[in-house]
Each structure stands twice: as structure tokens, then as C-alpha cells.
Protein backbone atom coordinates (compact mmCIF):
# COMPACT_ATOMS: atom_id res chain seq x y z
CA UNK A 1 9.21 -6.18 -30.70
CA UNK A 2 5.83 -6.54 -31.75
CA UNK A 3 3.50 -7.20 -28.75
CA UNK A 4 0.33 -9.02 -28.40
CA UNK A 5 -3.01 -7.39 -28.40
CA UNK A 6 -4.70 -6.47 -24.84
CA UNK A 7 -7.03 -9.58 -25.48
CA UNK A 8 -4.69 -11.75 -26.64
CA UNK A 9 -2.59 -11.10 -23.57
CA UNK A 10 -5.58 -11.78 -21.52
CA UNK A 11 -6.32 -15.05 -23.12
CA UNK A 12 -2.74 -16.11 -22.94
CA UNK A 13 -2.57 -15.10 -19.59
CA UNK A 14 -5.29 -16.92 -18.29
CA UNK A 15 -3.73 -20.14 -19.49
CA UNK A 16 -0.78 -19.22 -18.19
CA UNK A 17 -2.43 -18.72 -14.72
CA UNK A 18 -4.00 -22.03 -14.95
CA UNK A 19 -0.24 -23.63 -15.74
CA UNK A 20 1.10 -22.51 -12.76
CA UNK A 21 -1.46 -23.24 -10.15
CA UNK A 22 -0.76 -26.89 -10.82
CA UNK A 23 0.40 -27.10 -14.57
CA UNK A 24 2.08 -29.97 -16.00
CA UNK A 25 4.77 -29.95 -18.79
CA UNK A 26 4.71 -32.40 -21.57
CA UNK A 27 6.05 -34.95 -19.90
CA UNK A 28 2.81 -34.79 -16.86
CA UNK A 29 5.27 -33.62 -14.60
CA UNK A 30 5.13 -29.91 -13.00
CA UNK A 31 6.60 -27.62 -14.56
CA UNK A 32 10.25 -26.49 -13.02
CA UNK A 33 11.26 -22.48 -12.00
CA UNK A 34 13.48 -22.63 -15.14
CA UNK A 35 10.96 -23.62 -17.11
CA UNK A 36 8.35 -20.83 -15.70
CA UNK A 37 10.31 -18.31 -14.48
CA UNK A 38 13.59 -18.19 -16.41
CA UNK A 39 14.93 -14.17 -17.08
CA UNK A 40 14.78 -14.93 -20.50
CA UNK A 41 11.95 -17.69 -21.07
CA UNK A 42 8.24 -16.22 -21.96
CA UNK A 43 6.75 -15.18 -18.96
CA UNK A 44 3.32 -13.26 -18.28
CA UNK A 45 2.71 -11.77 -14.86
CA UNK A 46 -0.36 -10.17 -13.08
CA UNK A 47 -0.35 -7.22 -10.78
CA UNK A 48 -2.86 -6.76 -8.10
CA UNK A 49 -3.64 -2.55 -7.17
CA UNK A 50 -7.40 -1.10 -5.94
CA UNK A 51 -10.54 0.30 -7.64
CA UNK A 52 -9.91 3.39 -10.06
CA UNK A 53 -9.58 6.91 -8.40
CA UNK A 54 -6.96 6.06 -6.19
CA UNK A 55 -2.89 6.21 -5.33
CA UNK A 56 -2.83 2.20 -5.88
CA UNK A 57 -4.74 2.34 -9.54
CA UNK A 58 -2.45 4.24 -10.73
CA UNK A 59 0.73 3.22 -9.39
CA UNK A 60 -0.01 -0.20 -10.12
CA UNK A 61 -0.50 0.72 -13.61
CA UNK A 62 2.81 2.41 -13.71
CA UNK A 63 4.97 -0.56 -12.33
CA UNK A 64 2.85 -3.30 -14.44
CA UNK A 65 4.45 -0.64 -17.31
CA UNK A 66 7.51 -0.48 -16.59
CA UNK A 67 7.65 -4.27 -15.99
CA UNK A 68 6.77 -5.11 -19.00
CA UNK A 69 8.72 -2.31 -20.97
CA UNK A 70 11.79 -2.31 -19.49
CA UNK A 71 11.64 -5.76 -17.89
CA UNK A 72 14.08 -9.24 -19.57
CA UNK A 73 12.49 -10.14 -23.25
CA UNK A 74 9.44 -12.11 -23.04
CA UNK A 75 7.78 -10.87 -19.99
CA UNK A 76 4.27 -9.66 -20.64
CA UNK A 77 2.77 -7.64 -17.16
CA UNK A 78 -0.46 -6.39 -16.97
CA UNK A 79 -2.28 -4.69 -13.63
CA UNK A 80 -5.43 -5.53 -12.37
CA UNK A 81 -7.88 -3.53 -10.79
CA UNK A 82 -9.16 -5.28 -7.56
CA UNK A 83 -10.99 -4.60 -4.20
CA UNK A 84 -7.94 -3.15 -2.45
CA UNK A 85 -5.02 -4.66 -0.34
CA UNK A 86 -7.17 -7.62 1.38
CA UNK A 87 -8.00 -9.17 -1.77
CA UNK A 88 -4.80 -9.13 -3.38
CA UNK A 89 -3.14 -10.89 -0.12
CA UNK A 90 -5.52 -13.41 -0.73
CA UNK A 91 -5.30 -14.01 -4.18
CA UNK A 92 -1.67 -13.91 -4.18
CA UNK A 93 -1.59 -16.99 -1.42
CA UNK A 94 -4.06 -18.58 -3.98
CA UNK A 95 -1.64 -18.33 -6.74
CA UNK A 96 -4.06 -15.85 -8.88
CA UNK A 97 -1.82 -12.62 -9.00
CA UNK A 98 2.25 -12.43 -9.11
CA UNK A 99 2.41 -8.87 -7.73
CA UNK A 100 0.38 -6.89 -5.76
CA UNK A 101 -0.09 -3.59 -4.03
CA UNK A 102 -0.88 -3.70 0.13
CA UNK A 103 -1.22 -1.17 2.57
CA UNK A 104 1.49 -2.23 5.23
CA UNK A 105 -0.61 -2.20 8.18
CA UNK A 106 -2.91 -4.55 6.67
CA UNK A 107 0.09 -6.92 5.58
CA UNK A 108 1.74 -6.67 8.91
CA UNK A 109 -1.82 -8.55 10.55
CA UNK A 110 -2.50 -10.90 7.45
CA UNK A 111 1.26 -12.04 8.17
CA UNK A 112 0.70 -12.85 11.34
CA UNK A 113 -2.47 -14.37 11.27
CA UNK A 114 -4.27 -12.02 13.66
CA UNK A 115 -6.45 -8.97 14.15
CA UNK A 116 -9.39 -11.38 11.92
CA UNK A 117 -7.47 -12.74 9.97
CA UNK A 118 -8.23 -16.58 9.73
CA UNK A 119 -4.46 -17.73 9.00
CA UNK A 120 -1.24 -16.37 8.72
CA UNK A 121 -0.77 -15.40 4.91
CA UNK A 122 3.08 -16.01 3.39
CA UNK A 123 3.34 -13.07 2.17
CA UNK A 124 6.96 -11.18 1.32
CA UNK A 125 8.00 -7.61 0.57
CA UNK A 126 9.23 -6.71 -2.65
CA UNK A 127 9.82 -3.30 -1.73
CA UNK A 128 8.09 -0.30 0.71
CA UNK A 129 6.84 2.42 -1.16
CA UNK A 130 4.93 5.91 -0.90
CA UNK A 131 3.56 6.65 2.98
CA UNK A 132 0.12 7.17 3.87
CA UNK A 133 -0.36 10.08 5.99
CA UNK A 134 -3.49 10.62 7.63
CA UNK A 135 -5.11 13.06 10.20
CA UNK A 136 -8.40 13.63 11.87
CA UNK A 137 -9.46 16.56 10.36
CA UNK A 138 -13.02 18.88 11.41
CA UNK A 139 -14.24 22.39 10.66
CA UNK A 140 -13.45 25.09 12.61
CA UNK A 141 -16.34 25.54 15.01
CA UNK A 142 -17.34 22.19 15.45
CA UNK A 143 -15.77 22.05 19.18
CA UNK A 144 -13.59 18.92 18.20
CA UNK A 145 -10.25 20.37 19.35
CA UNK A 146 -8.64 17.27 20.55
CA UNK A 147 -8.45 13.17 19.76
CA UNK A 148 -10.88 13.03 23.35
CA UNK A 149 -13.37 15.29 21.38
CA UNK A 150 -14.46 12.38 18.66
CA UNK A 151 -16.64 11.00 22.11
CA UNK A 152 -20.12 11.39 20.73
CA UNK A 153 -19.25 12.56 17.32
CA UNK A 154 -20.04 11.02 13.95
CA UNK A 155 -16.65 10.67 12.57
CA UNK A 156 -16.20 9.22 8.72
CA UNK A 157 -13.72 6.24 9.35
CA UNK A 158 -13.22 5.09 5.39
CA UNK A 159 -14.96 2.89 3.21
CA UNK A 160 -17.03 -0.35 4.45
CA UNK A 161 -14.50 -3.12 3.79
CA UNK A 162 -11.14 -1.13 3.29
CA UNK A 163 -9.70 -2.63 6.21
CA UNK A 164 -9.23 0.65 7.41
CA UNK A 165 -9.49 -0.45 10.80
CA UNK A 166 -6.31 -2.62 10.67
CA UNK A 167 -4.38 0.91 11.66
CA UNK A 168 -7.19 3.19 12.93
CA UNK A 169 -7.92 0.23 15.77
CA UNK A 170 -4.54 0.77 17.42
CA UNK A 171 -4.11 5.00 16.71
CA UNK A 172 -7.85 5.10 18.51
CA UNK A 173 -6.30 2.43 21.19
CA UNK A 174 -3.14 4.92 22.10
CA UNK A 175 -5.76 7.74 22.52
CA UNK A 176 -7.69 5.88 24.46
CA UNK A 177 -10.40 5.62 22.10
CA UNK A 178 -12.13 2.89 20.33
CA UNK A 179 -15.26 2.70 17.43
CA UNK A 180 -17.57 2.44 21.02
CA UNK A 181 -16.72 6.31 21.69
CA UNK A 182 -17.72 7.80 18.81
CA UNK A 183 -20.36 6.86 15.68
CA UNK A 184 -18.35 5.74 13.04
CA UNK A 185 -19.86 5.93 9.35
CA UNK A 186 -18.46 4.42 6.69
CA UNK A 187 -17.72 6.37 3.37
CA UNK A 188 -14.87 7.22 0.92
CA UNK A 189 -12.93 10.08 1.53
CA UNK A 190 -14.31 12.05 -1.06
CA UNK A 191 -18.04 11.84 0.29
CA UNK A 192 -16.45 12.39 3.57
CA UNK A 193 -15.86 15.79 2.45
CA UNK A 194 -19.39 16.29 1.33
CA UNK A 195 -20.59 15.04 4.92
CA UNK A 196 -18.13 17.17 6.41
CA UNK A 197 -19.76 20.25 4.55
CA UNK A 198 -22.91 19.70 4.72
CA UNK A 199 -22.77 18.60 8.45
CA UNK A 200 -23.94 15.02 8.41
CA UNK A 201 -20.47 14.35 10.04
CA UNK A 202 -17.97 16.10 12.56
CA UNK A 203 -14.74 14.26 12.28
CA UNK A 204 -13.30 12.56 8.85
CA UNK A 205 -10.44 10.41 8.76
CA UNK A 206 -8.45 11.14 5.30
CA UNK A 207 -4.95 10.29 3.94
CA UNK A 208 -2.99 9.61 1.36
CA UNK A 209 0.05 10.75 -0.02
CA UNK A 210 1.30 14.45 0.31
CA UNK A 211 -0.58 16.13 -1.41
CA UNK A 212 -4.12 14.42 -0.73
CA UNK A 213 -6.59 15.59 -2.84
CA UNK A 214 -9.43 14.89 -0.11
CA UNK A 215 -7.52 17.17 2.07
CA UNK A 216 -7.07 20.11 -0.36
CA UNK A 217 -10.47 19.52 -1.11
CA UNK A 218 -11.83 20.18 2.43
CA UNK A 219 -9.62 22.91 3.39
CA UNK A 220 -10.27 24.94 0.22
CA UNK A 221 -13.87 26.65 1.06
CA UNK A 222 -13.67 26.50 4.76
CA UNK A 223 -11.84 27.06 7.99
CA UNK A 224 -10.88 23.48 8.96
CA UNK A 225 -8.59 22.14 12.12
CA UNK A 226 -6.19 19.28 12.21
CA UNK A 227 -6.74 17.73 15.19
CA UNK A 228 -3.24 16.99 16.86
CA UNK A 229 -2.31 13.17 17.87
CA UNK A 230 -0.96 13.37 21.45
CA UNK A 231 3.28 12.95 21.08
CA UNK A 232 3.00 9.98 23.95
CA UNK A 233 0.30 7.98 21.54
CA UNK A 234 2.34 8.87 18.81
CA UNK A 235 5.74 7.54 20.62
CA UNK A 236 3.94 4.12 21.98
CA UNK A 237 2.43 3.57 18.38
CA UNK A 238 5.90 3.68 16.50
CA UNK A 239 7.50 1.63 19.17
CA UNK A 240 4.56 -0.82 19.20
CA UNK A 241 4.17 -1.26 15.45
CA UNK A 242 6.82 -1.23 12.55
CA UNK A 243 4.57 0.09 9.90
CA UNK A 244 3.62 3.35 12.09
CA UNK A 245 6.18 6.30 11.68
CA UNK A 246 5.88 9.91 11.99
CA UNK A 247 5.68 11.95 9.42
CA UNK A 248 5.42 16.21 8.86
CA UNK A 249 3.17 17.74 6.51
CA UNK A 250 4.93 21.40 5.86
CA UNK A 251 3.18 24.43 6.05
CA UNK A 252 1.37 25.53 3.00
CA UNK A 253 1.17 22.52 1.71
CA UNK A 254 -2.79 22.65 2.38
CA UNK A 255 -5.29 26.36 2.11
CA UNK A 256 -4.98 27.82 5.93
CA UNK A 257 -2.00 25.51 7.45
CA UNK A 258 0.36 28.13 8.86
CA UNK A 259 2.64 25.63 10.55
CA UNK A 260 3.99 22.17 10.20
CA UNK A 261 1.70 19.49 11.24
CA UNK A 262 2.92 16.30 12.66
CA UNK A 263 1.00 14.00 10.50
CA UNK A 264 1.38 9.95 11.09
CA UNK A 265 2.29 7.62 8.22
CA UNK A 266 -0.45 4.77 9.58
CA UNK A 267 0.87 2.43 6.89
CA UNK A 268 3.20 2.80 3.76
CA UNK A 269 1.36 1.50 0.38
CA UNK A 270 3.91 -1.72 0.03
CA UNK A 271 4.83 -3.78 -3.17
CA UNK A 272 3.91 -7.53 -1.87
CA UNK A 273 4.27 -11.12 -3.31
CA UNK A 274 4.12 -14.91 -2.50
CA UNK A 275 6.81 -16.00 -0.26
CA UNK A 276 6.77 -18.96 -2.58
CA UNK A 277 7.87 -16.72 -5.27
CA UNK A 278 11.00 -17.72 -7.63
CA UNK A 279 14.17 -15.63 -5.84
CA UNK A 280 15.59 -15.09 -9.64
CA UNK A 281 11.83 -13.81 -10.55
CA UNK A 282 11.38 -11.49 -7.83
CA UNK A 283 15.33 -10.14 -8.35
CA UNK A 284 14.49 -8.98 -12.08
CA UNK A 285 11.43 -7.35 -11.26
CA UNK A 286 13.28 -5.40 -8.34
CA UNK A 287 16.09 -4.99 -10.53
CA UNK A 288 14.09 -3.83 -13.18
CA UNK A 289 11.26 -1.27 -11.04
CA UNK A 290 14.65 0.41 -9.45
CA UNK A 291 16.04 0.90 -12.52
CA UNK A 292 13.18 2.68 -14.05
CA UNK A 293 12.13 4.76 -11.20
CA UNK A 294 12.03 7.82 -12.91
CA UNK A 295 9.31 6.23 -15.05
CA UNK A 296 6.93 5.18 -12.30
CA UNK A 297 7.75 9.16 -11.08
CA UNK A 298 6.19 10.07 -14.31
CA UNK A 299 2.38 8.87 -14.06
CA UNK A 300 2.44 9.38 -10.06
CA UNK A 301 4.54 11.34 -7.40
CA UNK A 302 4.17 8.14 -5.26
CA UNK A 303 7.13 7.12 -7.51
CA UNK A 304 9.61 8.98 -5.51
CA UNK A 305 9.33 6.89 -3.16
CA UNK A 306 11.48 4.44 -4.77
CA UNK A 307 14.70 5.51 -3.43
CA UNK A 308 17.31 3.72 -1.52
CA UNK A 309 16.47 4.78 1.63
CA UNK A 310 12.62 4.00 1.57
CA UNK A 311 12.60 1.05 -0.36
CA UNK A 312 14.35 -1.14 2.20
CA UNK A 313 12.30 0.28 5.32
CA UNK A 314 10.59 -2.76 7.42
CA UNK A 315 6.87 -1.89 7.68
CA UNK A 316 6.92 -5.70 9.65
CA UNK A 317 6.70 -7.70 6.61
CA UNK A 318 9.80 -9.93 6.11
CA UNK A 319 11.18 -9.24 2.61
CA UNK A 320 11.72 -11.68 -0.40
CA UNK A 321 15.06 -13.00 -0.57
CA UNK A 322 15.34 -12.45 -4.39
CA UNK A 323 14.41 -8.49 -3.48
CA UNK A 324 17.67 -9.12 -0.45
CA UNK A 325 19.71 -10.18 -2.97
CA UNK A 326 19.66 -7.19 -5.38
CA UNK A 327 19.30 -4.62 -2.27
CA UNK A 328 22.55 -6.31 -1.16
CA UNK A 329 24.15 -5.94 -4.39
CA UNK A 330 23.66 -2.10 -5.00
CA UNK A 331 24.30 -2.32 -1.71
CA UNK A 332 21.44 -0.44 0.36
CA UNK A 333 20.72 -3.38 2.52
CA UNK A 334 20.60 -2.22 5.58
CA UNK A 335 22.73 -5.25 7.52
CA UNK A 336 21.83 -6.23 11.01
CA UNK A 337 25.28 -5.56 13.81
CA UNK A 338 26.30 -8.37 15.28
CA UNK A 339 24.61 -9.66 18.47
CA UNK A 340 21.41 -7.19 17.46
């Protein structure tokens, strides 16, 4: 089938999105769901990812390519680089995106309208994806050996405005710490590695899918220490918040790492949509991605998370009925026990 050029797709997509956010049919009545979302009708879909340079951007491109290539006839799907999770959530609610990637910790609080969100955003999960396994890292000899030793130090906590505080603040609180106990420094992971190297920061919070490029770089040329999380703090976090989960970094993953390290999944990447999204549309999206998951793996190892165990994991943001219908159909949806 001949596909229009990227420019044509973009222009047509803008027209479609305008109509979808309040357009009318030829008789002046609002377009019906069948007219806009039928599996065999023309459909232009947008997927919000994140800035270039990270896994969100690559995975977002891979997902949109799979949907565009293997979805029902008439679909045209494009990935859009955005500022990340917070922008994606707001734009989904405004009808400016159809799908988006987000960190599950950020979505958790957005859905509840808490921790600084000005309202409860009606987001729904399509599938849970790769874990975001993070840790605090310091050069050997810095004197920092435990979480308590962060006090009084300069600690890189992530890029300003990226939303890391949604999982960092409860993580710190579980260890009896707040941002007031140290000097938080806002920077990218790549810049954080440089700051550790030149001594302008003592500790950096780094993470992502394993192996994480920034941690590989930080450990490549110098001896480093992964600061252990307190077991009781991890138990509290995984009990209080569904987006936290235990995660082991196998020995030998990074230079100098001689033993397994008990890391922490601080909020998986997940694919989300609006609560108002058409059920049949989300069913078809879920089916298309799952049945062509190996195509995502070809673009990024994080695609391996598209498996029967991980994609249905509850991280605190309810699943969309269209996704649930597909998961039940293939027998992987975890049905609740009577009385639970």
C-alpha cells in the first residue's frame, strides 16, 4: 500500500486532531466513535515519547512504527518528541495526543491529583513496559557508604522539571531524608557522570533499563560504590506504592560489580492513554503491539518487557477496558480472587 509522505502525514494529522478535539460531521453533528475509530477506517494517531537521547524516545518510535506498519488498514501513526511524562499526561487529557509513554510513578500521582498535580488526570494504562532500575552511585573514597551519608553532600537528582521528585521524595523519606538534608543538583545523567569525575558532586542518582549507559560510563574508568538501600525502607516503599518494585542488578553488569546488587524499580515505563479513548481502538492497539513485540525488541532491548508477565503489572494507574479485553482474551489478565 502506498503511504503518503511524512509532510503529508503531518498536515493530515493536524487536520484530524482538530476534528477529533471537537469536530463535526457533514450534518453538523459531532463525529461518532464509529466514524473516527473503526478498525478499518482511516485513522491518524500520535504517540508522545520524550526528548531524543533516552529510551523513551527510541521505544516510542518503535511502538509507533509497529502500529503504523502492522495495525489495521488505514492507520497512520507517528511518534512525537515531547518533554516527557508530565507534558504527555497533560496533552493526553487535552486531546492533543492519542497515546504516550510515561513513568509509572508520575502517572500514579497525576491520576490522583496529588503531590503537586493541580487536578486528577483521567489516564489509563495500556501496558506496563521496561522497569526503571535506579541507584545512588558515588566514587570510591568519597566517604559516602550509606544513604544517611548523603547528608551535607552535593547530590545530582536528575534534570530540572523531569519529574524525578515523584519517586525520589518517597524513596528518600523511607530512609529518613529530604532534599533539605543535602544540596540537590539538577542535571542530566550524562552531565552527572562528568560531575562525579571532576568532584563537583559527590553522589548521583542514575538509572534506566539495564544496563544503563550512564552507569556504564561512570564505572568504566574509576572505582565506584553503589550505595545500598535499607531493606526496611524497600519493604515500606513496595508496600505503600505499587510503582516501586524490587530489582536485582546481576553481578558483572558493570565494571567492578562483583556481586548482585539489590536495586529498585522506581517506576516502570508504561504506555498510557486517556480514560475516554475508544475501547475498540485501544483493543486493536494492544493486540497489534503484543503480536508484533519482537519488532520493538529489534529497535531497543526494553521491548523485551512486552511479555505476558510484565505488561499486566499493576503500577497504580487503572488499565483501559480495551487493553483488559485483549489480555482476558489471550488469558494473561490477573483476575481478582473472590472476596479480595
